[in-house]
Amino acid sequence: MASRFYVETLGCPKNEVDSEKLVGTLLAQGLTATDDESQADVVVVNTCAFIEEARKESVATILALSERRKAGARLVVTGCMAERYGEELRANLPEADQIAGFGVAIETGVAAAATTVTTTAVSLGRKPSLGVTAQNVPSFDLLNLPRPASRTPWAYVKIAEGCDRTCGFCAIPSFRGPQRSRDVASILNEVEQLQAKEIVLVAQDLASYGKDRPDELGAGAIVDLVRQVSAKVPRTRLLYLYPSDLSDDLIDAILASGVPYFDLSLQHVSKPHLRRMRRWGDGERFLKRIADIRTREADAAFRSNFIVGYPGETEDDHDQLLSFVSEASLDWCGFFEYSPEEGTYAVNLPDQVPAGLMAERIAELRELQDGITAAKRDDLIDATVEVLVDEPGVGRSHREAPQIDGLIHVPTTLSAGSFVSVRIVDAQGPDLVAEGADVEDPSARENEHAG
């Protein structure tokens, strides 16, 4: 019997893509996948290290899987936490058989694991993790590895790695490196291989795609990429747009894709506070841009994230954010308490916000946004919307990004992968309930986007 592997993924959609590429590599080495970690010969944990809460979850998951694995199974820790804290993990996490940072292949104990794939690890200036030699473990570039066809009607596609920005709160550039954009052909090939109905483009700084390759791609390359992906699949969705790069051309391309969904990385709205964050923009500019998009497309949906309690945040800054959230009336908002991160500009700034005050502010914002989201969902009752059925009983319209936003409960008789027009009959918090359906022939959509 072939050796089996199990992969547990933590963190953001970009980690999901990395895990799928690891899965493709392990399958190519002759291993088989299992959904039962207790039956796996190799257990892989793809970790997140963005904030302290994510690191605690990663460690807890590693320890739990270590207890549940069968005797003799290998436990491999990879991902952001392995890259950022590799030496510390090796010293304090004896449960792990391997700590594999970026560009280091997983040791499976299977002879086929010697299979090599193209690497750019050397050009990135990265070295294999301590304890692993370049001679006995092949390095590889996760960004450009092939991956299997999607098991769901939607799939994330990472179009770039790393980030060139210097936001005061973010440590990602320190361990993900500078921005590195993929070429268009490799992205389009991956889109075709996935055979998904909805492609979700992701990156640390999505709208800056191509800026690091001025001779081949250049600033604004994201616009042409969105158009080319949209020509191949019925739905193209974009996540993580930095507001200064949301050009008119990009807005037009998003609206033309049929998915008027705008995930804007705003983080705050007070101009002086944003400058403390080393960020661009202010609430007035953001409101104007949102209003402009709604003028072009009344059904446009919006999501954003905000950091609460970044050093120096005053009561006036907080009040401005409350006012913005109320006026902007976004469909979805995430609020996160500031987490001091080693190596960032903000970690040693004065005027740290007390934890208790941070908790009060974030509770106030979440209560406000919960009411806005609920009201916007109530407004959809009796409306007819088109959904993509993700699985029996679950669908999404253009307003809901997979794994992030609410969902739409649909009749369980509808087939996964079909496009369906349904009538909304109820709202249950962030989720909707639909009945009645006109099923569209999926082949019609595929033929429309062929080529």
Foldseek 3Di string as FASTA:
>chain_A
DAAEEEEAEDDDQVRVLLVQLLVQLVVVLPYHYDPQLQRHQEYEYAADDWFPVRVVVSVVVQVVSLVRHHPNRAYEYEHDCLQPPVVVCVVPPVSHPYRWYAQWRDDRVRPSQQDEDDACCVVQVHDTGPPDHCVRTPGHHSLQGAGAAAPWLEGEHEFWWADDAAFQQGCRCVRRNHIDGDDLVSRVVNLVRNNHQEYEYDYQAQQQHPCVPCVRQHHPNSLVSLQLSLLQHLYYHYAEYEVVSCDPSNQVSNVVSVQLEEEYADQFAPVVVCVVRVGDHHLVVVLVVLVVSCVVPVPHAYEYEYEFQQAPCDPVRLVRRLVSCLVSLHLYYHYHYRGQDPPGNRNPDPRGDDPVVSVVSVVVSVVSNLVSNQVVQVVQAQPKFKWQAGAQQWTAGSRDDPPPFETEGEHSVDHHGWIWIWGWHDDDRRYTYTYDIDTDDNVVRNVSSPD
